[in-house]
Structure formats: C-alpha cells, structure tokens
Protein backbone atom coordinates (compact mmCIF):
# COMPACT_ATOMS: atom_id res chain seq x y z
CA MET A 1 -58.92 90.80 -133.64
CA LYS A 2 -60.49 88.69 -136.32
CA ARG A 3 -56.96 87.65 -138.03
CA ILE A 4 -55.42 86.56 -134.84
CA THR A 5 -58.47 84.86 -133.81
CA LYS A 6 -58.47 82.81 -137.01
CA ILE A 7 -54.71 81.82 -136.50
CA THR A 8 -54.82 81.36 -132.70
CA ILE A 9 -58.23 78.42 -133.82
CA TRP A 10 -55.72 77.44 -136.75
CA LEU A 11 -52.73 76.67 -134.10
CA LEU A 12 -55.46 74.92 -131.89
CA ALA A 13 -57.22 72.84 -135.19
CA ALA A 14 -53.40 71.99 -135.64
CA GLY A 15 -52.48 70.52 -132.37
CA TRP A 16 -55.34 68.57 -132.02
CA LEU A 17 -54.71 66.80 -135.31
CA ALA A 18 -51.00 66.30 -134.35
CA GLY A 19 -52.32 64.73 -130.56
CA CYS A 20 -54.57 62.39 -132.76
CA ASP A 21 -51.98 61.53 -135.33
CA LYS A 22 -49.72 60.68 -131.99
CA LYS A 23 -52.96 58.33 -130.29
CA GLU A 24 -52.96 56.53 -133.44
CA GLU A 25 -49.53 56.13 -133.76
CA LEU A 26 -49.85 53.78 -129.93
CA VAL A 27 -52.81 51.92 -131.28
CA TYR A 28 -50.45 49.25 -132.05
CA GLN A 29 -47.20 49.06 -130.30
CA SER A 30 -47.55 45.60 -129.45
CA ALA A 31 -46.50 41.97 -131.69
CA ASP A 32 -49.10 40.28 -133.40
CA GLY A 33 -50.66 37.42 -130.52
CA VAL A 34 -52.51 34.31 -130.93
CA TYR A 35 -55.26 32.87 -128.99
CA PHE A 36 -57.64 30.47 -128.38
CA ASP A 37 -61.11 32.05 -129.33
CA PHE A 38 -64.10 30.05 -127.36
CA PRO A 39 -67.50 31.66 -126.35
CA GLU A 40 -68.85 32.42 -123.10
CA SER A 41 -71.38 29.84 -121.57
CA ASP A 42 -75.27 30.80 -121.50
CA LEU A 43 -76.29 29.44 -118.73
CA THR A 44 -72.49 30.68 -116.76
CA HIS A 45 -71.52 33.73 -118.75
CA GLN A 46 -68.04 32.54 -118.45
CA ARG A 47 -65.40 31.59 -121.23
CA ILE A 48 -65.34 27.78 -122.18
CA ASP A 49 -62.32 26.11 -122.31
CA SER A 50 -62.74 22.44 -122.67
CA VAL A 51 -64.40 20.77 -126.34
CA ILE A 52 -66.21 18.20 -124.43
CA TYR A 53 -67.07 15.05 -127.06
CA SER A 54 -69.11 11.67 -127.00
CA PHE A 55 -68.37 9.44 -129.78
CA ALA A 56 -71.28 7.46 -128.06
CA LEU A 57 -73.87 10.48 -129.66
CA PHE A 58 -72.36 9.39 -133.34
CA PRO A 59 -72.34 5.76 -133.40
CA GLU A 60 -71.40 5.59 -137.50
CA LEU A 61 -67.78 6.89 -136.68
CA ALA A 62 -64.61 5.64 -136.52
CA THR A 63 -63.37 8.99 -136.49
CA ASP A 64 -64.13 12.72 -136.11
CA THR A 65 -62.21 16.41 -136.29
CA ILE A 66 -62.84 19.33 -133.51
CA LEU A 67 -62.23 22.51 -134.46
CA LEU A 68 -60.17 24.68 -132.13
CA PRO A 69 -60.48 28.37 -133.35
CA VAL A 70 -57.68 30.35 -132.45
CA ARG A 71 -57.93 33.91 -132.78
CA VAL A 72 -55.08 37.25 -133.98
CA SER A 73 -54.66 39.81 -131.47
CA GLY A 74 -53.01 42.90 -134.08
CA ASN A 75 -52.59 43.30 -137.60
CA ARG A 76 -54.00 40.95 -140.79
CA THR A 77 -50.79 40.75 -142.92
CA GLY A 78 -50.92 39.87 -146.87
CA ALA A 79 -49.06 37.24 -146.44
CA ALA A 80 -49.60 33.44 -144.73
CA ARG A 81 -48.53 32.81 -141.28
CA LYS A 82 -47.40 30.25 -138.82
CA VAL A 83 -48.96 29.30 -135.61
CA LYS A 84 -47.61 26.61 -133.44
CA VAL A 85 -49.85 24.27 -130.46
CA MET A 86 -48.37 21.90 -128.50
CA LEU A 87 -49.40 19.30 -126.11
CA ILE A 88 -48.84 19.34 -122.44
CA ALA A 89 -47.77 16.32 -121.76
CA ASP A 90 -48.40 15.92 -117.59
CA LYS A 91 -51.75 17.33 -117.83
CA THR A 92 -52.84 14.54 -120.93
CA THR A 93 -54.59 11.21 -120.87
CA ALA A 94 -55.46 10.27 -124.44
CA GLN A 95 -52.46 8.28 -126.50
CA ALA A 96 -51.51 9.87 -130.04
CA GLY A 97 -52.17 6.76 -132.44
CA LEU A 98 -54.92 5.32 -130.13
CA HIS A 99 -56.81 8.45 -129.57
CA TYR A 100 -56.02 10.77 -131.86
CA LYS A 101 -53.93 12.37 -135.20
CA ALA A 102 -50.22 13.69 -133.69
CA LEU A 103 -50.69 16.92 -133.66
CA ALA A 104 -48.29 19.38 -137.14
CA ALA A 105 -45.49 21.21 -136.19
CA GLU A 106 -47.13 24.23 -137.08
CA TYR A 107 -50.98 25.43 -138.86
CA VAL A 108 -51.14 27.77 -141.38
CA LEU A 109 -52.58 30.87 -141.09
CA PRO A 110 -54.22 32.11 -144.73
CA ALA A 111 -53.00 35.26 -145.36
CA ASP A 112 -55.28 38.58 -144.68
CA SER A 113 -56.98 36.60 -141.96
CA GLY A 114 -57.57 37.00 -138.44
CA ARG A 115 -58.63 33.72 -137.28
CA LEU A 116 -57.64 29.58 -138.07
CA ASP A 117 -59.97 26.72 -136.84
CA ILE A 118 -57.07 24.27 -135.74
CA PRO A 119 -58.05 20.47 -136.46
CA VAL A 120 -57.41 17.83 -133.87
CA VAL A 121 -58.58 14.54 -135.13
CA LEU A 122 -59.78 11.69 -132.76
CA TYR A 123 -60.55 8.34 -132.77
CA ASN A 124 -62.97 6.04 -131.44
CA THR A 125 -60.77 2.46 -131.84
CA ASP A 126 -60.24 2.25 -128.44
CA PRO A 127 -62.81 -0.10 -126.50
CA LEU A 128 -62.18 1.65 -122.89
CA LEU A 129 -63.39 5.09 -124.24
CA ALA A 130 -66.81 2.96 -123.18
CA GLU A 131 -65.70 3.09 -119.72
CA LYS A 132 -63.85 5.93 -119.74
CA ALA A 133 -62.82 9.38 -120.65
CA VAL A 134 -59.16 10.29 -121.76
CA LYS A 135 -58.05 14.33 -121.98
CA LEU A 136 -55.88 16.42 -124.57
CA MET A 137 -55.06 20.08 -122.93
CA LEU A 138 -53.10 21.65 -125.59
CA GLN A 139 -51.38 25.05 -125.49
CA LEU A 140 -49.89 27.86 -127.96
CA LYS A 141 -46.58 28.31 -128.19
CA PRO A 142 -44.82 31.14 -129.77
CA SER A 143 -43.81 30.79 -133.16
CA ALA A 144 -41.57 33.20 -136.12
CA ASP A 145 -44.44 34.68 -136.61
CA PHE A 146 -46.77 35.16 -133.66
CA GLY A 147 -46.38 35.33 -129.50
CA THR A 148 -48.78 34.19 -127.00
CA THR A 149 -49.57 37.49 -125.46
CA ILE A 150 -53.16 36.65 -123.46
CA PRO A 151 -51.82 34.00 -121.10
CA LYS A 152 -55.57 32.99 -119.98
CA LEU A 153 -56.76 32.53 -123.16
CA ASP A 154 -53.36 30.14 -124.46
CA THR A 155 -55.02 26.55 -123.43
CA ALA A 156 -57.45 24.48 -124.79
CA LYS A 157 -58.50 21.04 -123.30
CA ILE A 158 -61.04 18.45 -125.20
CA ILE A 159 -62.52 15.62 -123.04
CA PHE A 160 -63.90 12.92 -125.02
CA SER A 161 -65.09 9.18 -124.46
CA ASN A 162 -67.41 6.46 -125.86
CA ARG A 163 -69.80 6.35 -123.28
CA LEU A 164 -73.49 7.71 -122.50
CA GLU A 165 -74.81 8.30 -118.80
CA LYS A 166 -78.65 8.71 -118.06
CA PRO A 167 -80.29 11.90 -119.42
CA LEU A 168 -83.10 13.45 -117.62
CA TRP A 169 -85.40 12.70 -120.78
CA TRP A 170 -85.43 9.12 -120.26
CA GLU A 171 -86.57 9.48 -117.02
CA ILE A 172 -89.50 11.76 -118.05
CA TRP A 173 -90.12 9.04 -120.95
CA GLN A 174 -89.40 6.14 -119.02
CA GLY A 175 -92.65 4.68 -119.39
CA GLU A 176 -92.21 4.31 -123.24
CA LEU A 177 -88.49 3.47 -123.16
CA GLY A 178 -88.25 1.08 -120.20
CA GLU A 179 -85.51 0.59 -117.69
CA TYR A 180 -82.16 2.31 -118.30
CA SER A 181 -78.98 1.19 -119.20
CA ARG A 182 -75.61 2.49 -121.54
CA VAL A 183 -75.66 -0.36 -123.98
CA LYS A 184 -79.77 0.50 -124.45
CA HIS A 185 -78.87 4.23 -124.54
CA GLU A 186 -76.38 3.56 -127.14
CA LEU A 187 -78.48 1.20 -129.57
CA PHE A 188 -81.48 3.84 -129.28
CA ILE A 189 -79.29 6.59 -130.56
CA ARG A 190 -77.83 4.26 -133.48
CA VAL A 191 -82.16 3.52 -134.90
CA SER A 192 -84.96 5.24 -133.16
CA GLY A 193 -83.83 8.48 -135.62
CA THR A 194 -82.93 10.46 -132.96
CA ASN A 195 -80.41 11.37 -130.21
CA LYS A 196 -82.96 12.71 -127.29
CA LEU A 197 -86.03 13.42 -126.65
CA THR A 198 -88.45 16.71 -125.60
CA GLU A 199 -87.63 17.49 -121.66
CA ASP A 200 -90.92 18.76 -121.66
CA ARG A 201 -93.06 16.16 -121.26
CA ALA A 202 -96.18 18.74 -121.15
CA ASP A 203 -95.94 19.69 -124.73
CA TRP A 204 -98.46 17.61 -126.24
CA GLN A 205 -97.83 18.59 -130.04
CA ALA A 206 -94.07 16.81 -129.59
CA THR A 207 -95.80 13.73 -128.04
CA PRO A 208 -96.43 12.27 -131.27
CA LYS A 209 -92.18 13.05 -132.75
CA VAL A 210 -91.50 11.46 -129.32
CA LEU A 211 -94.53 8.18 -129.90
CA TYR A 212 -92.37 7.72 -133.09
CA HIS A 213 -88.98 7.27 -131.98
CA THR A 214 -89.80 5.51 -129.40
CA ARG A 215 -91.71 2.83 -131.09
CA ARG A 216 -89.54 2.30 -133.86
CA PHE A 217 -87.05 1.60 -131.08
CA ARG A 218 -89.27 -1.26 -129.78
CA SER A 219 -90.02 -2.56 -132.89
CA PHE A 220 -85.92 -2.91 -133.60
CA LEU A 221 -85.53 -4.47 -130.16
CA THR A 222 -88.72 -6.93 -130.53
CA ASN A 223 -86.36 -8.12 -133.74
CA PRO A 224 -83.54 -6.41 -134.54
CA GLN A 225 -83.24 -8.21 -138.11
CA THR A 226 -86.68 -7.54 -139.82
CA TRP A 227 -85.72 -4.20 -138.95
CA VAL A 228 -81.94 -4.13 -140.24
CA ALA A 229 -83.93 -5.34 -143.40
CA GLU A 230 -86.40 -3.07 -144.17
CA ASN A 231 -83.74 -0.18 -143.29
CA PRO A 232 -81.21 -1.15 -145.48
CA ALA A 233 -80.57 2.92 -145.47
CA GLU A 234 -79.48 3.39 -142.65
CA GLY A 235 -76.11 1.38 -143.32
CA TYR A 236 -76.59 -1.46 -140.24
CA VAL A 237 -75.92 -4.80 -140.95
CA ILE A 238 -76.13 -8.09 -139.17
CA THR A 239 -74.06 -11.25 -139.20
CA PRO A 240 -73.10 -14.83 -137.80
CA GLY A 241 -70.93 -14.42 -134.27
CA ALA A 242 -68.91 -16.45 -132.42
CA ASN A 243 -70.86 -19.85 -130.67
CA GLY A 244 -74.66 -19.26 -132.55
CA THR A 245 -74.63 -15.38 -131.82
CA LEU A 246 -75.46 -12.47 -133.99
CA GLU A 247 -73.51 -9.26 -134.31
CA PHE A 248 -74.61 -5.87 -134.80
CA TYR A 249 -72.89 -3.05 -136.45
CA HIS A 250 -72.78 -0.41 -138.36
CA SER A 251 -71.16 -0.94 -142.26
CA GLY A 252 -69.05 1.70 -141.56
CA ASN A 253 -67.48 1.39 -137.81
CA THR A 254 -66.91 -1.82 -137.86
CA ALA A 255 -64.86 -1.64 -134.20
CA LYS A 256 -67.96 -1.45 -132.68
CA LYS A 257 -70.42 -4.68 -132.12
CA PHE A 258 -73.50 -5.57 -130.45
CA VAL A 259 -73.47 -8.89 -129.47
CA LEU A 260 -77.08 -10.51 -129.65
CA THR A 261 -77.79 -13.67 -128.31
CA LEU A 262 -80.35 -16.44 -128.06
CA ASN A 263 -83.34 -17.43 -125.71
CA PRO A 264 -84.19 -20.59 -125.96
CA ALA A 265 -87.30 -20.42 -124.39
CA ASP A 266 -88.85 -17.62 -126.95
CA GLY A 267 -86.55 -18.34 -129.33
CA ARG A 268 -85.99 -14.62 -129.84
CA TYR A 269 -82.33 -13.30 -130.58
CA TYR A 270 -81.94 -10.27 -127.28
CA PHE A 271 -78.86 -7.80 -126.92
CA THR A 272 -77.04 -7.70 -123.57
CA ASP A 273 -76.57 -4.95 -121.50
CA GLU A 274 -73.43 -3.69 -119.04
CA ASP A 275 -74.86 -5.45 -115.96
CA GLY A 276 -75.25 -8.91 -118.33
CA ASP A 277 -79.13 -8.49 -118.60
CA PRO A 278 -81.13 -8.84 -121.59
CA VAL A 279 -82.15 -5.64 -123.03
CA ILE A 280 -85.62 -5.53 -123.28
C-alpha cells in the first residue's frame, strides 16, 4: 500500500507540474504592443490623457519639450526597437514649424527597456498663443516591432498656449496685488520670484513669504528700470522702443516684449494691459 501511495502521489505531482508548464506557456502569446502610460488624476481617479501647458508660466522660454510616456505591453528584448506615433490631423489645430517641431518618422526604444519618453518640441513664437490655445492630437501606430493592442490608451493630447487666467490666489491677495489683468499676471511671474502664492491666507507662516514676493513685484512696477539694474542675474533688459517708448523683455526670449509708455503727468513709465489701461 505504501508503494502504491507513493506512486500515486508522484503521478499527481507530475501532472500538476505539467499543468503549470502549460499555463506558463500561455502567459505571453500576444504580440508586443505599446500604449501611452499616463497616470490617474488624484482628484477624479480617472486616467489623464492630456498635457496642458502654458508658456506664460515660463516666460524666459522660446521653446520647451513635452515628454509623452510610452510603455511596452509584452516582453523586453536585447535589441533596440522602433515606436511609431503620428498626428491626427483633423483633431489638431497646431501648425508644424510654427507651434511645434514636426514629429520623427519613428522613435527608438533602447534594448532591454520597457519604457520610452517621446519628445514633442513646442514653440513660443506665435503672438496668437497669448489669445488662444492650440492642440496636438497624437496616436500610436503599429510598427515593424510593435502593435497597438490597447485602443483606449493609444492617443495623447497636448493643449498649449501663452495665456494666463486669473487664479484663486490672486483674489485672496488682491489687496497686495491690485486689480487683475493677464499682462500684470505675466509680469508678476517674471519678476516676483514665484509663479503663484498660497491659497491659505490663514497660514500665518506663509504670510512673510507672500509679502516678500508681492512687495518685490510692487517695487518693479514703481520703477522697472531700477529693478532691472539691481537684478542683472534675472536676465531682463530694457531698451528704447518706437515713439519714445521702452521695451522690457528677457534676453533669452526677444520675441516677447512688454512696452513701457511715459506718462507726462508724473514722469513715470507704465506698462499697458490687454484693455489699454496702465498696469499699477
């Protein structure tokens, strides 16, 4: 009986192992694919499929690069492979050469890698970006090395502009900042030392920092020329413009200039906002 029991156990074990071998053989039967690996939103807990960008937050930049994360669904290999991404023309409003650098025909995924960042180069040279956003809609396409096995994850959208909207923190600190305008907001980002303020006015520990940034900004508006002279490391300059005006801009981005106009009543130069009013 003991011998029969041992043989039975051995046969059962062998059968179980054979079954395991068969299951393991079925793990990677589909072709390798690629998909856009965007995270979920912390607020909605839904997958993010868009990148929203504003050059107005980075005024010294004439160009910037967005990296779109692509991940492999399948095996890694010891050889480099190619990923193909194309523009969806009827869902794109941005123009190649004006708003972005034309896409490459293919992008190379390094050997032994399961992830690739596809670079999309954006341009901040079109003045109309200060008035409206443009959109790039991209889609992964099958290549010689990869399929697109997850249709819901094969597209990515980039929306970008050079425009700002009034943030909540401006309303909270309006007593320090004054009336809002987009031009004033842009100038604040350039010279205050920050691109936003805390939205918690009850946080007394943050108040000194807020006052530092707002007073630095107010000092600039009062006398831009003095501010530029005292902060050469910031990279901003003021040069003569047309008809007795002055032009304020960053030396690394001469495409974006702010005009200063002399007010004869008080002998001071003022910036002008989008409605034609002085920035004060």
